[in-house]
């Protein structure tokens, strides 16, 4: 995650440098920031899931949206499939 913020900082520096080739546009920066926001939200959701597991004495809480039928018969969890 730290590297993504460093990359954003570098893109901002390139955006302000008139001699930079290629020079990132404001739209490029906005798009990269949106990607960072999605990553931050993903990390935040994972911490929320850990908190819920802890509250449930570290037992997996099965919810309908997290189940996906598969041939192995095991529980498929988003991001772990």
Protein backbone atom coordinates (compact mmCIF):
# COMPACT_ATOMS: atom_id res chain seq x y z
CA UNK A 1 0.00 0.00 0.00
CA UNK A 2 2.86 2.33 0.85
CA UNK A 3 4.26 1.87 -2.66
CA UNK A 4 0.94 2.94 -4.17
CA UNK A 5 1.06 6.20 -2.21
CA UNK A 6 4.66 6.74 -3.29
CA UNK A 7 3.60 6.17 -6.89
CA UNK A 8 0.80 8.73 -6.49
CA UNK A 9 3.26 11.24 -5.03
CA UNK A 10 5.60 10.66 -7.98
CA UNK A 11 2.71 11.13 -10.44
CA UNK A 12 1.80 14.41 -8.72
CA UNK A 13 5.41 15.58 -9.02
CA UNK A 14 5.44 14.63 -12.71
CA UNK A 15 2.14 16.46 -13.22
CA UNK A 16 3.68 19.70 -11.93
CA UNK A 17 6.83 19.34 -14.05
CA UNK A 18 6.25 20.94 -17.47
CA UNK A 19 9.22 19.04 -18.94
CA UNK A 20 7.99 15.59 -17.81
CA UNK A 21 7.37 13.16 -20.65
CA UNK A 22 4.78 11.78 -20.55
CA UNK A 23 3.16 14.24 -18.20
CA UNK A 24 0.26 12.77 -16.16
CA UNK A 25 -2.97 14.72 -16.53
CA UNK A 26 -5.36 15.74 -13.78
CA UNK A 27 -7.65 12.96 -14.98
CA UNK A 28 -4.79 10.46 -14.59
CA UNK A 29 -4.28 11.61 -11.01
CA UNK A 30 -8.00 11.43 -10.26
CA UNK A 31 -8.19 7.91 -11.69
CA UNK A 32 -5.19 6.75 -9.70
CA UNK A 33 -6.66 8.30 -6.54
CA UNK A 34 -9.93 6.45 -7.15
CA UNK A 35 -7.95 3.18 -7.40
CA UNK A 36 -6.23 4.00 -4.11
CA UNK A 37 -9.60 4.64 -2.48
CA UNK A 38 -10.83 1.20 -3.60
CA UNK A 39 -7.72 -0.42 -2.12
CA UNK A 40 -8.20 1.47 1.15
CA UNK A 41 -11.85 0.39 1.31
CA UNK A 42 -10.79 -3.22 0.67
CA UNK A 43 -8.27 -3.14 3.53
CA UNK A 44 -10.86 -1.51 5.79
CA UNK A 45 -13.40 -4.25 4.97
CA UNK A 46 -10.81 -6.92 5.77
CA UNK A 47 -10.18 -5.35 9.17
CA UNK A 48 -13.95 -5.26 9.74
CA UNK A 49 -14.12 -8.97 8.89
CA UNK A 50 -11.31 -9.70 11.35
CA UNK A 51 -13.13 -7.72 14.03
CA UNK A 52 -16.31 -9.74 13.39
CA UNK A 53 -14.34 -12.99 13.57
CA UNK A 54 -12.84 -11.93 16.89
CA UNK A 55 -16.29 -11.07 18.25
CA UNK A 56 -17.46 -14.53 17.13
CA UNK A 57 -14.62 -16.25 19.02
CA UNK A 58 -12.64 -16.70 15.76
CA UNK A 59 -15.33 -18.88 14.18
CA UNK A 60 -16.15 -18.22 10.54
CA UNK A 61 -19.51 -16.55 10.11
CA UNK A 62 -21.20 -18.02 7.06
CA UNK A 63 -23.41 -15.60 5.18
CA UNK A 64 -25.36 -16.27 1.96
CA UNK A 65 -23.48 -13.64 -0.07
CA UNK A 66 -20.13 -15.24 0.76
CA UNK A 67 -21.09 -18.75 -0.33
CA UNK A 68 -20.53 -19.87 -3.87
CA UNK A 69 -21.26 -23.37 -5.08
CA UNK A 70 -18.18 -25.26 -6.17
CA UNK A 71 -17.28 -28.81 -7.00
CA UNK A 72 -14.96 -29.35 -4.04
CA UNK A 73 -17.71 -28.87 -1.47
CA UNK A 74 -15.64 -26.35 0.47
CA UNK A 75 -16.71 -22.82 1.35
CA UNK A 76 -15.52 -20.30 -1.22
CA UNK A 77 -14.80 -16.87 0.28
CA UNK A 78 -14.47 -13.75 -1.88
CA UNK A 79 -10.85 -12.88 -2.42
CA UNK A 80 -9.72 -16.33 -1.35
CA UNK A 81 -11.14 -18.43 -4.19
